[in-house]
Amino acid sequence: MENSAGITASLQGRYASALFDLAKDKGVAPAVEADLESLDAALAGSADLAALIRNPRLSREGAAKAIESVAGLLNLSELTRNFLAVLAGNGRLAVLGEVIRAFRAIAAAARGEVAATVTSAHPLTAAQLKALAAKLKAREGKEVTITATVDPELLGGLVVRIGSTEIDSSIRTRLNSLAHKMKG
């Protein structure tokens, strides 16, 4: 499998790459990816959990116990639990969100997909996401997996990020550009 040098060069990328390689060798990569998606949703849905994993005052043992409890509640696989224990033992739970994103990108690349992050001012409908995925597939020549986020400050339009490429068609950027041009 070919990993982007940018992903594996970072600490989070090295953890994600090691987890992916181990999961692939054991034939459980899809299950681990599903586990990480559940964990990511739990982090997004619980400010307390997000604060807990970033708490520098929490001992490594305390962090390990806390994340093991969360893993039990989410019914995560043994490999994912062991990985979380390693992160906690190394004092790296604070980078869990970035590890999940890196794992997602590595898994998508292994499937021949491209991961795209789409930010819009308002939530996109399923039909809009499907149409956008089709246009991005035509542009990239690969299947595109979209992660949609909302940022009301964009005012309108979209910001699409695929790897290191950013396509910014937001109204905020257009207005800023127009203001800059008017200043001379």
N, C-alpha and C. Protein backbone atom coordinates (compact mmCIF):
# COMPACT_ATOMS: atom_id res chain seq x y z
N MET A 1 0.84 -1.18 0.00
CA MET A 1 0.00 0.00 0.00
C MET A 1 0.88 1.24 0.00
N GLU A 2 0.48 2.24 -0.71
CA GLU A 2 1.24 3.47 -0.82
C GLU A 2 0.59 4.53 0.05
N ASN A 3 1.34 5.06 1.02
CA ASN A 3 0.83 6.11 1.88
C ASN A 3 1.40 7.44 1.45
N SER A 4 0.63 8.47 1.63
CA SER A 4 1.13 9.81 1.37
C SER A 4 2.23 10.12 2.37
N ALA A 5 3.34 10.65 1.90
CA ALA A 5 4.44 10.99 2.78
C ALA A 5 4.00 11.99 3.83
N GLY A 6 3.08 12.87 3.49
CA GLY A 6 2.60 13.86 4.44
C GLY A 6 1.87 13.24 5.61
N ILE A 7 1.13 12.17 5.35
CA ILE A 7 0.39 11.52 6.42
C ILE A 7 1.34 10.77 7.34
N THR A 8 2.21 9.95 6.77
CA THR A 8 3.06 9.10 7.60
C THR A 8 4.22 9.85 8.22
N ALA A 9 4.48 11.07 7.80
CA ALA A 9 5.56 11.85 8.38
C ALA A 9 5.18 12.39 9.76
N SER A 10 3.90 12.56 10.01
CA SER A 10 3.47 13.10 11.29
C SER A 10 3.37 12.00 12.33
N LEU A 11 3.42 12.38 13.59
CA LEU A 11 3.24 11.43 14.68
C LEU A 11 1.91 10.70 14.56
N GLN A 12 0.85 11.46 14.32
CA GLN A 12 -0.48 10.88 14.19
C GLN A 12 -0.53 9.91 13.02
N GLY A 13 0.12 10.29 11.93
CA GLY A 13 0.15 9.45 10.74
C GLY A 13 0.89 8.15 10.98
N ARG A 14 1.96 8.21 11.76
CA ARG A 14 2.71 6.97 12.06
C ARG A 14 1.85 6.03 12.90
N TYR A 15 1.13 6.57 13.87
CA TYR A 15 0.22 5.73 14.67
C TYR A 15 -0.87 5.14 13.78
N ALA A 16 -1.47 5.98 12.93
CA ALA A 16 -2.55 5.53 12.06
C ALA A 16 -2.05 4.48 11.08
N SER A 17 -0.87 4.70 10.51
CA SER A 17 -0.31 3.76 9.56
C SER A 17 0.00 2.42 10.21
N ALA A 18 0.55 2.46 11.42
CA ALA A 18 0.84 1.21 12.14
C ALA A 18 -0.45 0.46 12.44
N LEU A 19 -1.48 1.17 12.87
CA LEU A 19 -2.76 0.53 13.15
C LEU A 19 -3.36 -0.06 11.89
N PHE A 20 -3.30 0.70 10.79
CA PHE A 20 -3.87 0.20 9.54
C PHE A 20 -3.14 -1.06 9.07
N ASP A 21 -1.81 -1.03 9.11
CA ASP A 21 -1.04 -2.19 8.66
C ASP A 21 -1.36 -3.42 9.50
N LEU A 22 -1.46 -3.24 10.81
CA LEU A 22 -1.79 -4.36 11.69
C LEU A 22 -3.21 -4.87 11.43
N ALA A 23 -4.15 -3.94 11.28
CA ALA A 23 -5.55 -4.33 11.01
C ALA A 23 -5.66 -5.04 9.66
N LYS A 24 -4.93 -4.56 8.67
CA LYS A 24 -4.95 -5.18 7.35
C LYS A 24 -4.37 -6.60 7.42
N ASP A 25 -3.24 -6.75 8.13
CA ASP A 25 -2.62 -8.07 8.28
C ASP A 25 -3.55 -9.07 8.96
N LYS A 26 -4.34 -8.57 9.92
CA LYS A 26 -5.27 -9.45 10.64
C LYS A 26 -6.61 -9.59 9.92
N GLY A 27 -6.80 -8.84 8.83
CA GLY A 27 -8.04 -8.91 8.07
C GLY A 27 -9.22 -8.23 8.73
N VAL A 28 -8.94 -7.24 9.60
CA VAL A 28 -10.02 -6.56 10.32
C VAL A 28 -10.03 -5.06 10.07
N ALA A 29 -9.41 -4.61 8.98
CA ALA A 29 -9.34 -3.17 8.71
C ALA A 29 -10.72 -2.51 8.66
N PRO A 30 -11.72 -3.12 7.98
CA PRO A 30 -13.05 -2.49 7.98
C PRO A 30 -13.67 -2.37 9.38
N ALA A 31 -13.45 -3.38 10.22
CA ALA A 31 -13.99 -3.34 11.58
C ALA A 31 -13.31 -2.25 12.41
N VAL A 32 -12.00 -2.12 12.26
CA VAL A 32 -11.27 -1.08 12.99
C VAL A 32 -11.69 0.29 12.49
N GLU A 33 -11.89 0.42 11.18
CA GLU A 33 -12.35 1.70 10.64
C GLU A 33 -13.73 2.05 11.22
N ALA A 34 -14.61 1.07 11.32
CA ALA A 34 -15.93 1.30 11.91
C ALA A 34 -15.81 1.68 13.38
N ASP A 35 -14.89 1.01 14.09
CA ASP A 35 -14.64 1.36 15.50
C ASP A 35 -14.21 2.82 15.63
N LEU A 36 -13.28 3.22 14.77
CA LEU A 36 -12.77 4.59 14.84
C LEU A 36 -13.84 5.61 14.47
N GLU A 37 -14.74 5.26 13.56
CA GLU A 37 -15.85 6.15 13.22
C GLU A 37 -16.77 6.32 14.44
N SER A 38 -17.04 5.21 15.15
CA SER A 38 -17.87 5.28 16.36
C SER A 38 -17.19 6.15 17.42
N LEU A 39 -15.89 5.96 17.57
CA LEU A 39 -15.14 6.74 18.54
C LEU A 39 -15.11 8.21 18.16
N ASP A 40 -14.96 8.51 16.87
CA ASP A 40 -14.96 9.89 16.40
C ASP A 40 -16.32 10.55 16.67
N ALA A 41 -17.39 9.81 16.43
CA ALA A 41 -18.74 10.32 16.71
C ALA A 41 -18.91 10.58 18.20
N ALA A 42 -18.37 9.70 19.04
CA ALA A 42 -18.47 9.89 20.49
C ALA A 42 -17.69 11.13 20.92
N LEU A 43 -16.52 11.35 20.33
CA LEU A 43 -15.73 12.54 20.64
C LEU A 43 -16.45 13.81 20.21
N ALA A 44 -17.08 13.76 19.04
CA ALA A 44 -17.81 14.92 18.53
C ALA A 44 -19.06 15.18 19.35
N GLY A 45 -19.67 14.13 19.87
CA GLY A 45 -20.92 14.27 20.60
C GLY A 45 -20.77 14.54 22.08
N SER A 46 -19.56 14.41 22.61
CA SER A 46 -19.36 14.60 24.04
C SER A 46 -18.19 15.53 24.31
N ALA A 47 -18.51 16.73 24.71
CA ALA A 47 -17.46 17.70 25.05
C ALA A 47 -16.65 17.20 26.25
N ASP A 48 -17.30 16.48 27.16
CA ASP A 48 -16.60 15.95 28.32
C ASP A 48 -15.54 14.92 27.91
N LEU A 49 -15.90 14.04 26.99
CA LEU A 49 -14.95 13.03 26.52
C LEU A 49 -13.80 13.70 25.78
N ALA A 50 -14.11 14.67 24.93
CA ALA A 50 -13.06 15.38 24.21
C ALA A 50 -12.12 16.09 25.18
N ALA A 51 -12.67 16.69 26.22
CA ALA A 51 -11.85 17.37 27.22
C ALA A 51 -11.02 16.37 28.03
N LEU A 52 -11.60 15.22 28.30
CA LEU A 52 -10.92 14.19 29.08
C LEU A 52 -9.66 13.72 28.37
N ILE A 53 -9.74 13.43 27.08
CA ILE A 53 -8.56 12.89 26.39
C ILE A 53 -7.49 13.95 26.19
N ARG A 54 -7.84 15.22 26.33
CA ARG A 54 -6.87 16.30 26.17
C ARG A 54 -6.37 16.84 27.51
N ASN A 55 -6.84 16.27 28.61
CA ASN A 55 -6.50 16.76 29.94
C ASN A 55 -5.06 16.37 30.29
N PRO A 56 -4.14 17.34 30.37
CA PRO A 56 -2.75 17.02 30.66
C PRO A 56 -2.54 16.59 32.12
N ARG A 57 -3.48 16.85 32.98
CA ARG A 57 -3.35 16.49 34.39
C ARG A 57 -3.73 15.04 34.67
N LEU A 58 -4.41 14.42 33.73
CA LEU A 58 -4.83 13.03 33.89
C LEU A 58 -3.63 12.12 33.69
N SER A 59 -3.39 11.23 34.66
CA SER A 59 -2.25 10.31 34.55
C SER A 59 -2.46 9.35 33.39
N ARG A 60 -1.39 8.74 32.98
CA ARG A 60 -1.49 7.77 31.88
C ARG A 60 -2.38 6.59 32.30
N GLU A 61 -2.26 6.20 33.55
CA GLU A 61 -3.09 5.09 34.04
C GLU A 61 -4.56 5.49 34.07
N GLY A 62 -4.82 6.71 34.52
CA GLY A 62 -6.19 7.22 34.55
C GLY A 62 -6.77 7.33 33.15
N ALA A 63 -5.95 7.80 32.21
CA ALA A 63 -6.40 7.92 30.82
C ALA A 63 -6.69 6.54 30.25
N ALA A 64 -5.84 5.57 30.57
CA ALA A 64 -6.04 4.20 30.07
C ALA A 64 -7.35 3.62 30.60
N LYS A 65 -7.62 3.84 31.88
CA LYS A 65 -8.88 3.33 32.46
C LYS A 65 -10.08 4.01 31.84
N ALA A 66 -9.99 5.31 31.65
CA ALA A 66 -11.11 6.07 31.08
C ALA A 66 -11.40 5.63 29.65
N ILE A 67 -10.36 5.50 28.84
CA ILE A 67 -10.58 5.14 27.44
C ILE A 67 -11.01 3.69 27.32
N GLU A 68 -10.58 2.84 28.24
CA GLU A 68 -11.04 1.45 28.23
C GLU A 68 -12.53 1.39 28.55
N SER A 69 -13.00 2.24 29.46
CA SER A 69 -14.43 2.30 29.77
C SER A 69 -15.23 2.76 28.55
N VAL A 70 -14.71 3.76 27.87
CA VAL A 70 -15.38 4.25 26.66
C VAL A 70 -15.40 3.16 25.59
N ALA A 71 -14.28 2.46 25.44
CA ALA A 71 -14.20 1.37 24.45
C ALA A 71 -15.22 0.28 24.76
N GLY A 72 -15.40 -0.01 26.05
CA GLY A 72 -16.39 -1.01 26.44
C GLY A 72 -17.80 -0.56 26.12
N LEU A 73 -18.10 0.70 26.40
CA LEU A 73 -19.43 1.24 26.09
C LEU A 73 -19.72 1.22 24.59
N LEU A 74 -18.69 1.48 23.79
CA LEU A 74 -18.86 1.51 22.34
C LEU A 74 -18.72 0.13 21.70
N ASN A 75 -18.37 -0.87 22.52
CA ASN A 75 -18.21 -2.25 22.05
C ASN A 75 -17.16 -2.34 20.94
N LEU A 76 -16.01 -1.72 21.18
CA LEU A 76 -14.94 -1.70 20.19
C LEU A 76 -14.19 -3.03 20.16
N SER A 77 -13.60 -3.34 19.03
CA SER A 77 -12.88 -4.61 18.86
C SER A 77 -11.62 -4.63 19.73
N GLU A 78 -11.08 -5.83 19.89
CA GLU A 78 -9.90 -6.01 20.73
C GLU A 78 -8.70 -5.23 20.19
N LEU A 79 -8.51 -5.25 18.88
CA LEU A 79 -7.38 -4.53 18.29
C LEU A 79 -7.50 -3.03 18.54
N THR A 80 -8.70 -2.48 18.38
CA THR A 80 -8.90 -1.06 18.62
C THR A 80 -8.67 -0.73 20.10
N ARG A 81 -9.15 -1.58 20.99
CA ARG A 81 -8.93 -1.37 22.43
C ARG A 81 -7.44 -1.39 22.76
N ASN A 82 -6.72 -2.36 22.19
CA ASN A 82 -5.28 -2.43 22.44
C ASN A 82 -4.57 -1.19 21.91
N PHE A 83 -4.99 -0.72 20.75
CA PHE A 83 -4.40 0.49 20.18
C PHE A 83 -4.65 1.70 21.09
N LEU A 84 -5.88 1.83 21.57
CA LEU A 84 -6.20 2.94 22.48
C LEU A 84 -5.37 2.85 23.75
N ALA A 85 -5.13 1.63 24.23
CA ALA A 85 -4.30 1.45 25.43
C ALA A 85 -2.87 1.90 25.17
N VAL A 86 -2.37 1.62 23.96
CA VAL A 86 -1.02 2.07 23.60
C VAL A 86 -0.97 3.59 23.56
N LEU A 87 -1.98 4.21 22.93
CA LEU A 87 -2.03 5.68 22.89
C LEU A 87 -2.03 6.26 24.30
N ALA A 88 -2.88 5.70 25.16
CA ALA A 88 -2.97 6.19 26.54
C ALA A 88 -1.65 5.98 27.28
N GLY A 89 -1.06 4.80 27.11
CA GLY A 89 0.20 4.49 27.78
C GLY A 89 1.34 5.38 27.33
N ASN A 90 1.28 5.84 26.09
CA ASN A 90 2.31 6.74 25.56
C ASN A 90 1.97 8.22 25.77
N GLY A 91 0.84 8.47 26.42
CA GLY A 91 0.43 9.86 26.66
C GLY A 91 0.03 10.58 25.39
N ARG A 92 -0.56 9.86 24.44
CA ARG A 92 -0.90 10.43 23.14
C ARG A 92 -2.40 10.47 22.84
N LEU A 93 -3.24 10.32 23.84
CA LEU A 93 -4.68 10.36 23.58
C LEU A 93 -5.13 11.70 23.02
N ALA A 94 -4.40 12.75 23.31
CA ALA A 94 -4.79 14.08 22.83
C ALA A 94 -4.79 14.17 21.31
N VAL A 95 -4.05 13.30 20.64
CA VAL A 95 -3.99 13.34 19.17
C VAL A 95 -4.93 12.31 18.53
N LEU A 96 -5.83 11.74 19.32
CA LEU A 96 -6.71 10.68 18.81
C LEU A 96 -7.53 11.14 17.62
N GLY A 97 -8.08 12.34 17.65
CA GLY A 97 -8.87 12.85 16.53
C GLY A 97 -8.06 12.90 15.25
N GLU A 98 -6.81 13.35 15.33
CA GLU A 98 -5.95 13.42 14.16
C GLU A 98 -5.56 12.02 13.67
N VAL A 99 -5.38 11.09 14.61
CA VAL A 99 -5.07 9.71 14.24
C VAL A 99 -6.26 9.11 13.47
N ILE A 100 -7.46 9.39 13.93
CA ILE A 100 -8.65 8.87 13.26
C ILE A 100 -8.74 9.43 11.84
N ARG A 101 -8.49 10.72 11.67
CA ARG A 101 -8.53 11.32 10.34
C ARG A 101 -7.45 10.72 9.43
N ALA A 102 -6.25 10.52 9.98
CA ALA A 102 -5.17 9.93 9.19
C ALA A 102 -5.51 8.49 8.81
N PHE A 103 -6.08 7.72 9.73
CA PHE A 103 -6.48 6.34 9.44
C PHE A 103 -7.52 6.33 8.33
N ARG A 104 -8.48 7.24 8.43
CA ARG A 104 -9.53 7.34 7.41
C ARG A 104 -8.92 7.59 6.02
N ALA A 105 -7.94 8.47 5.95
CA ALA A 105 -7.29 8.79 4.67
C ALA A 105 -6.49 7.60 4.15
N ILE A 106 -5.79 6.90 5.03
CA ILE A 106 -5.00 5.74 4.63
C ILE A 106 -5.92 4.63 4.13
N ALA A 107 -7.00 4.38 4.86
CA ALA A 107 -7.95 3.33 4.46
C ALA A 107 -8.60 3.67 3.12
N ALA A 108 -8.94 4.93 2.92
CA ALA A 108 -9.55 5.35 1.66
C ALA A 108 -8.57 5.16 0.51
N ALA A 109 -7.31 5.53 0.72
CA ALA A 109 -6.30 5.37 -0.32
C ALA A 109 -6.11 3.89 -0.66
N ALA A 110 -6.15 3.04 0.34
CA ALA A 110 -6.00 1.59 0.10
C ALA A 110 -7.15 1.04 -0.72
N ARG A 111 -8.32 1.63 -0.59
CA ARG A 111 -9.48 1.20 -1.38
C ARG A 111 -9.53 1.89 -2.74
N GLY A 112 -8.57 2.77 -3.02
CA GLY A 112 -8.57 3.50 -4.28
C GLY A 112 -9.50 4.69 -4.26
N GLU A 113 -9.80 5.17 -3.08
CA GLU A 113 -10.69 6.32 -2.93
C GLU A 113 -9.88 7.55 -2.58
N VAL A 114 -10.50 8.68 -2.78
CA VAL A 114 -9.93 9.95 -2.37
C VAL A 114 -10.86 10.53 -1.32
N ALA A 115 -10.29 11.01 -0.23
CA ALA A 115 -11.10 11.61 0.82
C ALA A 115 -11.19 13.12 0.58
N ALA A 116 -12.39 13.64 0.69
CA ALA A 116 -12.61 15.07 0.52
C ALA A 116 -13.37 15.60 1.73
N THR A 117 -12.99 16.78 2.17
CA THR A 117 -13.71 17.47 3.22
C THR A 117 -14.43 18.64 2.57
N VAL A 118 -15.73 18.69 2.74
CA VAL A 118 -16.54 19.75 2.14
C VAL A 118 -17.15 20.57 3.26
N THR A 119 -16.87 21.86 3.25
CA THR A 119 -17.43 22.77 4.25
C THR A 119 -18.41 23.69 3.54
N SER A 120 -19.61 23.79 4.10
CA SER A 120 -20.64 24.64 3.52
C SER A 120 -21.25 25.50 4.62
N ALA A 121 -21.95 26.54 4.20
CA ALA A 121 -22.59 27.44 5.16
C ALA A 121 -23.81 26.78 5.81
N HIS A 122 -24.44 25.88 5.09
CA HIS A 122 -25.64 25.18 5.57
C HIS A 122 -25.46 23.70 5.29
N PRO A 123 -26.11 22.83 6.05
CA PRO A 123 -25.98 21.39 5.78
C PRO A 123 -26.43 21.05 4.37
N LEU A 124 -25.66 20.18 3.72
CA LEU A 124 -26.00 19.74 2.36
C LEU A 124 -26.94 18.54 2.43
N THR A 125 -27.84 18.48 1.49
CA THR A 125 -28.78 17.36 1.42
C THR A 125 -28.04 16.14 0.84
N ALA A 126 -28.66 14.98 0.99
CA ALA A 126 -28.07 13.76 0.44
C ALA A 126 -27.92 13.87 -1.08
N ALA A 127 -28.91 14.48 -1.73
CA ALA A 127 -28.84 14.65 -3.19
C ALA A 127 -27.69 15.58 -3.58
N GLN A 128 -27.48 16.65 -2.82
CA GLN A 128 -26.38 17.56 -3.11
C GLN A 128 -25.03 16.88 -2.91
N LEU A 129 -24.92 16.09 -1.84
CA LEU A 129 -23.68 15.38 -1.58
C LEU A 129 -23.39 14.36 -2.69
N LYS A 130 -24.44 13.69 -3.15
CA LYS A 130 -24.29 12.69 -4.22
C LYS A 130 -23.83 13.36 -5.52
N ALA A 131 -24.43 14.50 -5.85
CA ALA A 131 -24.05 15.23 -7.07
C ALA A 131 -22.61 15.75 -6.96
N LEU A 132 -22.26 16.24 -5.79
CA LEU A 132 -20.90 16.74 -5.58
C LEU A 132 -19.90 15.60 -5.68
N ALA A 133 -20.23 14.45 -5.10
CA ALA A 133 -19.34 13.28 -5.18
C ALA A 133 -19.13 12.87 -6.63
N ALA A 134 -20.18 12.92 -7.44
CA ALA A 134 -20.07 12.56 -8.86
C ALA A 134 -19.15 13.54 -9.59
N LYS A 135 -19.28 14.84 -9.30
CA LYS A 135 -18.42 15.84 -9.96
C LYS A 135 -16.97 15.69 -9.52
N LEU A 136 -16.76 15.40 -8.24
CA LEU A 136 -15.40 15.22 -7.75
C LEU A 136 -14.79 13.93 -8.31
N LYS A 137 -15.60 12.90 -8.49
CA LYS A 137 -15.12 11.65 -9.07
C LYS A 137 -14.66 11.90 -10.51
N ALA A 138 -15.43 12.68 -11.25
CA ALA A 138 -15.04 13.00 -12.62
C ALA A 138 -13.74 13.80 -12.64
N ARG A 139 -13.57 14.68 -11.68
CA ARG A 139 -12.36 15.51 -11.62
C ARG A 139 -11.14 14.71 -11.21
N GLU A 140 -11.30 13.83 -10.21
CA GLU A 140 -10.18 13.09 -9.64
C GLU A 140 -9.92 11.76 -10.33
N GLY A 141 -10.93 11.21 -10.98
CA GLY A 141 -10.78 9.90 -11.62
C GLY A 141 -10.83 8.75 -10.64
N LYS A 142 -11.27 9.01 -9.41
CA LYS A 142 -11.36 7.99 -8.37
C LYS A 142 -12.65 8.20 -7.60
N GLU A 143 -13.05 7.17 -6.87
CA GLU A 143 -14.19 7.33 -5.98
C GLU A 143 -13.82 8.37 -4.92
N VAL A 144 -14.78 9.17 -4.52
CA VAL A 144 -14.53 10.23 -3.55
C VAL A 144 -15.43 10.00 -2.33
N THR A 145 -14.81 9.96 -1.17
CA THR A 145 -15.55 9.86 0.08
C THR A 145 -15.60 11.25 0.68
N ILE A 146 -16.81 11.75 0.93
CA ILE A 146 -16.97 13.12 1.40
C ILE A 146 -17.28 13.14 2.90
N THR A 147 -16.56 14.01 3.59
CA THR A 147 -16.88 14.33 4.98
C THR A 147 -17.39 15.76 4.95
N ALA A 148 -18.67 15.93 5.31
CA ALA A 148 -19.29 17.26 5.23
C ALA A 148 -19.26 17.94 6.60
N THR A 149 -18.89 19.21 6.60
CA THR A 149 -18.94 20.03 7.80
C THR A 149 -19.68 21.32 7.47
N VAL A 150 -20.11 22.02 8.52
CA VAL A 150 -20.86 23.26 8.34
C VAL A 150 -20.12 24.39 9.05
N ASP A 151 -19.96 25.51 8.35
CA ASP A 151 -19.36 26.72 8.90
C ASP A 151 -20.21 27.90 8.44
N PRO A 152 -21.13 28.39 9.29
CA PRO A 152 -22.02 29.48 8.89
C PRO A 152 -21.29 30.75 8.45
N GLU A 153 -20.04 30.92 8.86
CA GLU A 153 -19.28 32.11 8.49
C GLU A 153 -18.93 32.15 7.00
N LEU A 154 -19.09 31.04 6.29
CA LEU A 154 -18.83 31.04 4.85
C LEU A 154 -19.86 31.86 4.09
N LEU A 155 -21.03 32.05 4.68
CA LEU A 155 -22.16 32.77 4.11
C LEU A 155 -22.86 32.00 3.00
N GLY A 156 -22.13 31.32 2.17
CA GLY A 156 -22.67 30.54 1.07
C GLY A 156 -21.53 29.93 0.29
N GLY A 157 -21.83 29.05 -0.65
CA GLY A 157 -20.78 28.40 -1.43
C GLY A 157 -20.17 27.24 -0.67
N LEU A 158 -19.03 26.76 -1.17
CA LEU A 158 -18.36 25.59 -0.60
C LEU A 158 -16.87 25.80 -0.52
N VAL A 159 -16.25 25.08 0.41
CA VAL A 159 -14.81 24.93 0.44
C VAL A 159 -14.57 23.43 0.41
N VAL A 160 -13.87 22.96 -0.63
CA VAL A 160 -13.60 21.53 -0.80
C VAL A 160 -12.10 21.31 -0.64
N ARG A 161 -11.73 20.38 0.21
CA ARG A 161 -10.32 20.03 0.40
C ARG A 161 -10.14 18.57 0.02
N ILE A 162 -9.25 18.33 -0.92
CA ILE A 162 -8.87 16.98 -1.33
C ILE A 162 -7.36 16.92 -1.22
N GLY A 163 -6.89 16.20 -0.22
CA GLY A 163 -5.45 16.17 0.03
C GLY A 163 -4.95 17.56 0.35
N SER A 164 -3.96 18.03 -0.40
CA SER A 164 -3.43 19.37 -0.16
C SER A 164 -4.06 20.42 -1.07
N THR A 165 -5.04 20.00 -1.88
CA THR A 165 -5.72 20.92 -2.80
C THR A 165 -6.98 21.48 -2.14
N GLU A 166 -7.16 22.78 -2.26
CA GLU A 166 -8.36 23.42 -1.73
C GLU A 166 -9.05 24.19 -2.84
N ILE A 167 -10.34 23.94 -2.96
CA ILE A 167 -11.17 24.65 -3.92
C ILE A 167 -12.13 25.50 -3.10
N ASP A 168 -11.94 26.80 -3.11
CA ASP A 168 -12.72 27.69 -2.26
C ASP A 168 -13.64 28.55 -3.13
N SER A 169 -14.92 28.23 -3.10
CA SER A 169 -15.92 29.02 -3.84
C SER A 169 -16.90 29.66 -2.86
N SER A 170 -16.42 29.93 -1.65
CA SER A 170 -17.32 30.50 -0.64
C SER A 170 -17.55 31.99 -0.90
N ILE A 171 -18.69 32.45 -0.49
CA ILE A 171 -19.02 33.87 -0.64
C ILE A 171 -18.10 34.72 0.23
N ARG A 172 -17.75 34.21 1.41
CA ARG A 172 -16.84 34.95 2.29
C ARG A 172 -15.52 35.25 1.57
N THR A 173 -14.94 34.24 0.90
CA THR A 173 -13.67 34.43 0.20
C THR A 173 -13.84 35.39 -0.97
N ARG A 174 -14.94 35.26 -1.68
CA ARG A 174 -15.19 36.17 -2.81
C ARG A 174 -15.33 37.62 -2.34
N LEU A 175 -16.02 37.83 -1.23
CA LEU A 175 -16.18 39.19 -0.68
C LEU A 175 -14.84 39.73 -0.20
N ASN A 176 -14.04 38.89 0.44
CA ASN A 176 -12.71 39.32 0.91
C ASN A 176 -11.82 39.69 -0.28
N SER A 177 -11.91 38.90 -1.34
CA SER A 177 -11.12 39.15 -2.54
C SER A 177 -11.54 40.47 -3.20
N LEU A 178 -12.85 40.70 -3.27
CA LEU A 178 -13.37 41.92 -3.84
C LEU A 178 -12.94 43.13 -3.01
N ALA A 179 -13.00 43.02 -1.69
CA ALA A 179 -12.57 44.11 -0.81
C ALA A 179 -11.09 44.40 -1.00
N HIS A 180 -10.29 43.37 -1.17
CA HIS A 180 -8.86 43.54 -1.38
C HIS A 180 -8.58 44.26 -2.70
N LYS A 181 -9.31 43.88 -3.75
CA LYS A 181 -9.14 44.52 -5.05
C LYS A 181 -9.56 45.98 -5.01
N MET A 182 -10.60 46.28 -4.25
CA MET A 182 -11.09 47.66 -4.17
C MET A 182 -10.11 48.56 -3.43
N LYS A 183 -9.29 47.98 -2.54
CA LYS A 183 -8.30 48.76 -1.82
C LYS A 183 -7.16 49.18 -2.73
N GLY A 184 -7.01 48.47 -3.82
CA GLY A 184 -6.00 48.84 -4.81
C GLY A 184 -4.79 48.09 -4.66
